[in-house]
Amino acid sequence: MKVLQDAEVILLESKKSEELTTTTTMKNPTTTKKTSLSVFSHFKYEHLLAGISGGAISTLILHPLDLMKIRFAVCDGRTSIPQYSSLTSAFHTIFRQEGIRGLYRGVAPNVWGSGSAWGFYFLFYNSIKNWIQQGDSQYPLGPSLHMLAAAEAGLLTLVVTNPIWVVKTRLCLQYGNEDAYLSKGGQVYRGMSDALVKIYRKEGVRGLYRGFVPGMFGVTHGALQFMTYEEMKAFYNQYRKLPHDNKLTTGEYIGFAAISKLIAAAATYPYQVIRARLQDQHHSYAGSWDCVRKTWKHERMTGFYKGLAPYLLHVTPNICLVMLIYEKFSNNS
């Protein structure tokens, strides 16, 4: 009889143990799922849409400045391409010789490129950042992890968008009369898709990825910019004794975006000159180092900063608009 009572007690305790385990698992489902957490579970379409919206809108408004930056960047004084003495001179010359259409050469791939680049960048950046945080937005990353997330996002974005930037550069550098250009053996592109096809047929995949190596150095530009932007926001909220991810005002977002962009531009601009020259159909270089060597030989340090003025005039309002649209769009999602 005592044996049966002992068996019943053991069975009852076993059932209670099973019920307790089941209840604990139901209350804490994350304990079983956390091990299977991956970066893909953090993809959010609103980050993609926010980046596309901000990039496309800002590009449509500011494209002429981007075009002038590219033309200044490839002006080495050793080819027959148009030479401009100042930003005002460039604007008047292009408008007089090519009309309003000339100021918007390459706008289609620029809109596509900028929209997709910002869209993918924000998508990758926030996915990687959330993955590092394990879904806890209150967890502060610090400068090194912010820079790592931004660098990884920049590299992934560059792989996707480099062919579009090559097309944009080539279209922006189509000068003057097309018949005269054809008579000299030049290649005329009728639009974005035409340029993609012709570049691929004539130069292969390598042609579509010209400027990729200096573009990889440009990843440090985005990493430095986003690290500075995120750290300034976090420091500002810490100063006000608020959570580091507390939402800011429109003016505060614009101010931090402008400062972070200016810091990144001052530190990394030369890679953009090298990249533009490698993608230019009017120049021929053996590679990135050959371009650096020739630029230094003929133009010294000033050559690496050609087009900086229109670049800053273009990117400062551009990044402010992009970041503002992104912050407002994603915060309301």
Protein backbone atom coordinates (compact mmCIF):
# COMPACT_ATOMS: atom_id res chain seq x y z
CA MET A 1 0.00 0.00 0.00
CA LYS A 2 2.80 2.39 0.91
CA VAL A 3 4.51 1.59 -2.41
CA LEU A 4 1.35 2.62 -4.32
CA GLN A 5 1.12 5.89 -2.36
CA ASP A 6 4.78 6.66 -3.10
CA ALA A 7 4.20 5.98 -6.81
CA GLU A 8 1.21 8.35 -6.85
CA VAL A 9 3.26 11.09 -5.17
CA ILE A 10 6.08 10.69 -7.73
CA LEU A 11 3.58 10.76 -10.64
CA LEU A 12 1.91 13.87 -9.24
CA GLU A 13 5.24 15.67 -8.82
CA SER A 14 6.23 14.71 -12.38
CA LYS A 15 3.01 16.19 -13.79
CA LYS A 16 3.52 19.40 -11.81
CA SER A 17 7.08 19.65 -13.14
CA GLU A 18 5.86 19.24 -16.74
CA GLU A 19 3.13 21.88 -16.24
CA LEU A 20 5.67 24.30 -14.76
CA THR A 21 8.05 23.80 -17.68
CA THR A 22 5.24 24.33 -20.21
CA THR A 23 4.07 27.49 -18.44
CA THR A 24 7.62 28.90 -18.30
CA THR A 25 8.13 28.23 -22.00
CA MET A 26 4.83 29.93 -22.90
CA LYS A 27 5.69 32.97 -20.80
CA ASN A 28 9.18 33.25 -22.25
CA PRO A 29 8.92 32.24 -25.93
CA THR A 30 12.03 34.24 -26.77
CA THR A 31 14.21 31.73 -24.91
CA THR A 32 13.59 29.13 -27.61
CA LYS A 33 13.70 31.52 -30.53
CA LYS A 34 16.70 33.67 -29.61
CA THR A 35 19.20 31.11 -30.80
CA SER A 36 17.65 31.15 -34.27
CA LEU A 37 17.73 34.96 -34.51
CA SER A 38 19.23 36.14 -37.79
CA VAL A 39 19.92 39.45 -39.46
CA PHE A 40 17.10 38.75 -41.96
CA SER A 41 14.48 38.82 -39.18
CA HIS A 42 15.28 42.53 -38.70
CA PHE A 43 14.57 43.62 -42.30
CA LYS A 44 11.90 46.34 -42.28
CA TYR A 45 10.43 47.60 -45.53
CA GLU A 46 9.79 51.08 -44.06
CA HIS A 47 13.56 51.70 -43.89
CA LEU A 48 13.84 50.81 -47.59
CA LEU A 49 10.91 53.07 -48.55
CA ALA A 50 12.17 55.93 -46.38
CA GLY A 51 15.61 55.82 -48.01
CA ILE A 52 14.19 55.61 -51.54
CA SER A 53 11.85 58.54 -50.91
CA GLY A 54 14.52 60.77 -49.40
CA GLY A 55 17.16 59.92 -52.00
CA ALA A 56 14.90 60.36 -55.03
CA ILE A 57 13.31 63.64 -53.92
CA SER A 58 16.59 65.29 -52.94
CA THR A 59 18.27 64.17 -56.18
CA LEU A 60 15.55 65.63 -58.41
CA ILE A 61 15.93 69.00 -56.71
CA LEU A 62 19.74 69.15 -56.58
CA HIS A 63 20.91 67.22 -59.66
CA PRO A 64 22.49 70.21 -61.53
CA LEU A 65 24.97 70.70 -58.66
CA ASP A 66 25.90 67.03 -58.80
CA LEU A 67 26.48 67.27 -62.56
CA MET A 68 28.77 70.28 -62.11
CA LYS A 69 30.68 68.50 -59.34
CA ILE A 70 31.42 65.59 -61.69
CA ARG A 71 32.54 67.89 -64.52
CA PHE A 72 34.86 69.80 -62.21
CA ALA A 73 36.24 66.53 -60.79
CA VAL A 74 37.38 65.22 -64.21
CA CYS A 75 38.83 68.57 -65.37
CA ASP A 76 42.57 67.85 -65.36
CA GLY A 77 43.59 70.48 -67.94
CA ARG A 78 45.10 67.84 -70.23
CA THR A 79 42.05 66.87 -72.33
CA SER A 80 39.69 68.69 -74.68
CA ILE A 81 36.72 68.51 -72.31
CA PRO A 82 35.08 71.82 -71.34
CA GLN A 83 36.94 73.87 -68.73
CA TYR A 84 35.04 75.99 -66.20
CA SER A 85 36.56 78.81 -64.17
CA SER A 86 33.94 78.85 -61.41
CA LEU A 87 30.62 77.40 -60.34
CA THR A 88 28.71 80.35 -61.82
CA SER A 89 30.69 80.04 -65.06
CA ALA A 90 29.90 76.33 -65.27
CA PHE A 91 26.17 76.91 -64.77
CA HIS A 92 25.97 79.66 -67.43
CA THR A 93 28.16 77.76 -69.92
CA ILE A 94 26.20 74.52 -69.63
CA PHE A 95 22.85 76.33 -69.81
CA ARG A 96 23.94 78.42 -72.83
CA GLN A 97 25.45 75.50 -74.79
CA GLU A 98 23.18 72.62 -73.78
CA GLY A 99 20.05 74.26 -72.36
CA ILE A 100 18.08 73.08 -69.35
CA ARG A 101 18.43 69.53 -70.66
CA GLY A 102 22.19 69.82 -70.26
CA LEU A 103 21.83 70.63 -66.55
CA TYR A 104 19.80 67.46 -66.12
CA ARG A 105 21.95 65.03 -68.09
CA GLY A 106 22.14 61.76 -66.18
CA VAL A 107 19.21 62.62 -63.91
CA ALA A 108 17.42 59.28 -64.50
CA PRO A 109 20.27 57.03 -63.28
CA ASN A 110 21.00 59.56 -60.55
CA VAL A 111 17.43 59.30 -59.23
CA TRP A 112 17.50 55.52 -59.55
CA GLY A 113 20.98 55.31 -58.06
CA SER A 114 20.38 57.72 -55.20
CA GLY A 115 16.97 56.30 -54.36
CA SER A 116 18.11 52.67 -54.44
CA ALA A 117 21.42 53.47 -52.70
CA TRP A 118 19.76 55.26 -49.78
CA GLY A 119 16.99 52.66 -49.67
CA PHE A 120 19.37 49.70 -49.52
CA TYR A 121 21.73 51.57 -47.21
CA PHE A 122 19.05 52.31 -44.62
CA LEU A 123 17.66 48.78 -44.98
CA PHE A 124 21.07 47.11 -44.48
CA TYR A 125 22.23 49.58 -41.82
CA ASN A 126 19.16 49.28 -39.61
CA SER A 127 18.96 45.50 -40.10
CA ILE A 128 22.60 45.05 -39.07
CA LYS A 129 22.23 47.51 -36.18
CA ASN A 130 19.08 45.77 -34.89
CA TRP A 131 20.77 42.40 -35.26
CA ILE A 132 23.71 43.58 -33.13
CA GLN A 133 21.23 44.95 -30.57
CA GLN A 134 19.26 41.67 -30.65
CA GLY A 135 16.08 43.70 -31.17
CA ASP A 136 16.64 45.91 -28.12
CA SER A 137 16.66 49.53 -29.37
CA GLN A 138 17.65 50.74 -25.89
CA TYR A 139 21.03 49.02 -26.16
CA PRO A 140 23.68 51.66 -27.04
CA LEU A 141 26.15 50.54 -29.71
CA GLY A 142 28.92 53.10 -29.27
CA PRO A 143 31.17 54.57 -32.00
CA SER A 144 32.95 51.37 -33.09
CA LEU A 145 29.79 49.28 -33.60
CA HIS A 146 27.98 52.18 -35.30
CA MET A 147 30.92 52.49 -37.72
CA LEU A 148 31.02 48.72 -38.30
CA ALA A 149 27.30 48.57 -39.11
CA ALA A 150 27.58 51.58 -41.45
CA ALA A 151 30.66 50.16 -43.22
CA GLU A 152 29.01 46.79 -43.82
CA ALA A 153 25.85 48.48 -45.11
CA GLY A 154 27.90 50.72 -47.41
CA LEU A 155 29.80 47.81 -48.93
CA LEU A 156 26.63 45.81 -49.62
CA THR A 157 24.98 48.89 -51.15
CA LEU A 158 28.00 49.56 -53.38
CA VAL A 159 27.87 46.05 -54.83
CA VAL A 160 24.22 46.58 -55.80
CA THR A 161 24.45 50.15 -57.15
CA ASN A 162 27.92 50.60 -58.75
CA PRO A 163 26.68 49.96 -62.35
CA ILE A 164 24.09 52.74 -61.93
CA TRP A 165 26.80 55.21 -60.80
CA VAL A 166 28.93 54.35 -63.84
CA VAL A 167 25.98 55.11 -66.13
CA LYS A 168 25.24 58.36 -64.29
CA THR A 169 28.82 59.55 -64.65
CA ARG A 170 28.97 58.70 -68.36
CA LEU A 171 25.69 60.50 -69.09
CA CYS A 172 26.76 63.56 -67.10
CA LEU A 173 29.95 63.71 -69.18
CA GLN A 174 28.30 63.71 -72.61
CA TYR A 175 29.21 67.15 -73.90
CA GLY A 176 27.71 69.32 -76.60
CA ASN A 177 26.75 68.18 -80.12
CA GLU A 178 26.20 64.43 -80.37
CA ASP A 179 26.93 64.24 -84.15
CA ALA A 180 30.29 65.95 -83.66
CA TYR A 181 31.06 63.60 -80.81
CA LEU A 182 30.18 60.54 -82.90
CA SER A 183 32.39 61.74 -85.76
CA LYS A 184 35.35 61.63 -83.36
CA GLY A 185 34.67 57.98 -82.54
CA GLY A 186 32.94 58.65 -79.23
CA GLN A 187 30.17 56.56 -77.71
CA VAL A 188 26.79 58.27 -77.34
CA TYR A 189 24.29 56.92 -74.84
CA ARG A 190 20.58 57.54 -75.48
CA GLY A 191 19.51 56.91 -71.91
CA MET A 192 20.04 54.76 -68.84
CA SER A 193 19.12 51.37 -70.31
CA ASP A 194 20.98 52.12 -73.56
CA ALA A 195 24.09 53.01 -71.55
CA LEU A 196 23.89 49.85 -69.45
CA VAL A 197 23.64 47.66 -72.57
CA LYS A 198 26.42 49.45 -74.51
CA ILE A 199 28.84 49.50 -71.57
CA TYR A 200 28.25 45.80 -70.93
CA ARG A 201 28.67 44.87 -74.62
CA LYS A 202 31.85 46.90 -75.07
CA GLU A 203 33.52 46.55 -71.65
CA GLY A 204 31.78 43.63 -69.97
CA VAL A 205 31.03 43.38 -66.24
CA ARG A 206 34.36 45.09 -65.53
CA GLY A 207 33.09 48.23 -67.29
CA LEU A 208 30.00 48.34 -65.07
CA TYR A 209 32.20 48.12 -61.98
CA ARG A 210 34.72 50.81 -62.88
CA GLY A 211 35.54 52.89 -59.83
CA PHE A 212 34.57 50.07 -57.47
CA VAL A 213 37.92 50.08 -55.62
CA PRO A 214 37.86 53.81 -54.76
CA GLY A 215 34.16 53.31 -54.05
CA MET A 216 35.19 50.85 -51.34
CA PHE A 217 37.24 53.63 -49.76
CA GLY A 218 34.07 55.67 -49.98
CA VAL A 219 32.47 53.19 -47.61
CA THR A 220 34.54 54.89 -44.90
CA HIS A 221 32.75 58.12 -45.84
CA GLY A 222 29.34 56.68 -45.03
CA ALA A 223 30.65 54.88 -41.95
CA LEU A 224 32.22 58.07 -40.58
CA GLN A 225 29.10 60.10 -41.40
CA PHE A 226 26.64 57.71 -39.75
CA MET A 227 28.85 57.11 -36.73
CA THR A 228 29.11 60.88 -36.20
CA TYR A 229 25.36 61.37 -36.75
CA GLU A 230 24.32 58.59 -34.36
CA GLU A 231 26.83 59.59 -31.69
CA MET A 232 25.78 63.25 -31.81
CA LYS A 233 22.13 62.25 -31.37
CA ALA A 234 22.99 59.91 -28.49
CA PHE A 235 25.25 62.47 -26.77
CA TYR A 236 22.60 65.18 -27.14
CA ASN A 237 19.93 62.98 -25.56
CA GLN A 238 22.33 61.94 -22.82
CA TYR A 239 23.04 65.62 -22.12
CA ARG A 240 19.28 66.19 -21.77
CA LYS A 241 19.03 63.06 -19.56
CA LEU A 242 16.72 61.31 -22.04
CA PRO A 243 16.90 57.81 -23.63
CA HIS A 244 19.57 57.69 -26.33
CA ASP A 245 16.96 56.88 -29.03
CA ASN A 246 14.58 59.69 -28.06
CA LYS A 247 13.03 61.48 -31.06
CA LEU A 248 14.36 64.93 -31.96
CA THR A 249 12.92 68.04 -33.59
CA THR A 250 13.20 68.81 -37.31
CA GLY A 251 15.89 71.46 -36.72
CA GLU A 252 17.96 69.08 -34.57
CA TYR A 253 17.86 66.32 -37.21
CA ILE A 254 18.91 68.81 -39.92
CA GLY A 255 21.74 70.26 -37.81
CA PHE A 256 23.24 66.87 -36.90
CA ALA A 257 22.90 65.62 -40.50
CA ALA A 258 24.71 68.69 -41.89
CA ILE A 259 27.57 68.56 -39.38
CA SER A 260 28.14 64.82 -39.84
CA LYS A 261 28.16 65.18 -43.64
CA LEU A 262 30.66 68.07 -43.60
CA ILE A 263 33.02 66.12 -41.34
CA ALA A 264 32.85 63.01 -43.54
CA ALA A 265 33.25 65.05 -46.77
CA ALA A 266 36.32 66.91 -45.52
CA ALA A 267 38.00 63.63 -44.56
CA THR A 268 37.20 61.48 -47.60
CA TYR A 269 36.43 63.65 -50.67
CA PRO A 270 39.50 62.66 -52.82
CA TYR A 271 38.09 59.18 -53.46
CA GLN A 272 35.18 60.77 -55.36
CA VAL A 273 37.57 62.53 -57.77
CA ILE A 274 39.45 59.27 -58.44
CA ARG A 275 36.20 57.36 -58.87
CA ALA A 276 34.74 59.90 -61.33
CA ARG A 277 37.94 59.91 -63.41
CA LEU A 278 38.03 56.13 -63.62
CA GLN A 279 34.40 56.09 -64.79
CA ASP A 280 34.93 58.93 -67.30
CA GLN A 281 34.81 57.80 -70.94
CA HIS A 282 37.19 60.62 -71.96
CA HIS A 283 40.08 59.36 -69.79
CA SER A 284 42.02 56.13 -69.72
CA TYR A 285 43.83 54.89 -66.62
CA ALA A 286 45.46 51.55 -65.90
CA GLY A 287 43.80 51.47 -62.49
CA SER A 288 43.16 53.37 -59.29
CA TRP A 289 46.84 53.80 -58.41
CA ASP A 290 47.65 55.03 -61.94
CA CYS A 291 44.89 57.64 -61.59
CA VAL A 292 46.19 58.75 -58.18
CA ARG A 293 49.76 58.99 -59.50
CA LYS A 294 48.86 61.03 -62.58
CA THR A 295 46.56 63.35 -60.63
CA TRP A 296 49.34 64.05 -58.12
CA LYS A 297 51.98 64.48 -60.85
CA HIS A 298 50.04 67.05 -62.88
CA GLU A 299 47.76 68.75 -60.32
CA ARG A 300 49.20 68.04 -56.86
CA MET A 301 46.84 68.17 -53.88
CA THR A 302 44.38 70.60 -55.50
CA GLY A 303 43.55 67.96 -58.09
CA PHE A 304 42.10 65.68 -55.44
CA TYR A 305 39.69 68.38 -54.26
CA LYS A 306 38.32 69.56 -57.61
CA GLY A 307 34.56 69.97 -57.50
CA LEU A 308 34.48 70.27 -53.71
CA ALA A 309 32.47 73.54 -53.73
CA PRO A 310 29.53 72.25 -55.84
CA TYR A 311 29.77 68.96 -53.95
CA LEU A 312 29.27 70.65 -50.58
CA LEU A 313 26.49 72.84 -51.98
CA HIS A 314 24.86 69.69 -53.30
CA VAL A 315 25.32 67.19 -50.47
CA THR A 316 24.67 69.42 -47.46
CA PRO A 317 21.01 70.19 -48.27
CA ASN A 318 20.77 66.73 -49.85
CA ILE A 319 21.74 64.85 -46.70
CA CYS A 320 19.58 67.12 -44.54
CA LEU A 321 16.56 66.39 -46.72
CA VAL A 322 17.31 62.66 -46.92
CA MET A 323 17.82 62.24 -43.18
CA LEU A 324 14.76 64.35 -42.34
CA ILE A 325 12.50 62.36 -44.67
CA TYR A 326 14.01 59.12 -43.37
CA GLU A 327 13.58 60.02 -39.68
CA LYS A 328 10.02 61.29 -40.11
CA PHE A 329 9.02 58.40 -42.37
CA SER A 330 10.46 55.65 -40.19
CA ASN A 331 9.29 57.24 -36.91
CA ASN A 332 5.70 57.32 -38.16
CA SER A 333 5.77 53.77 -39.51
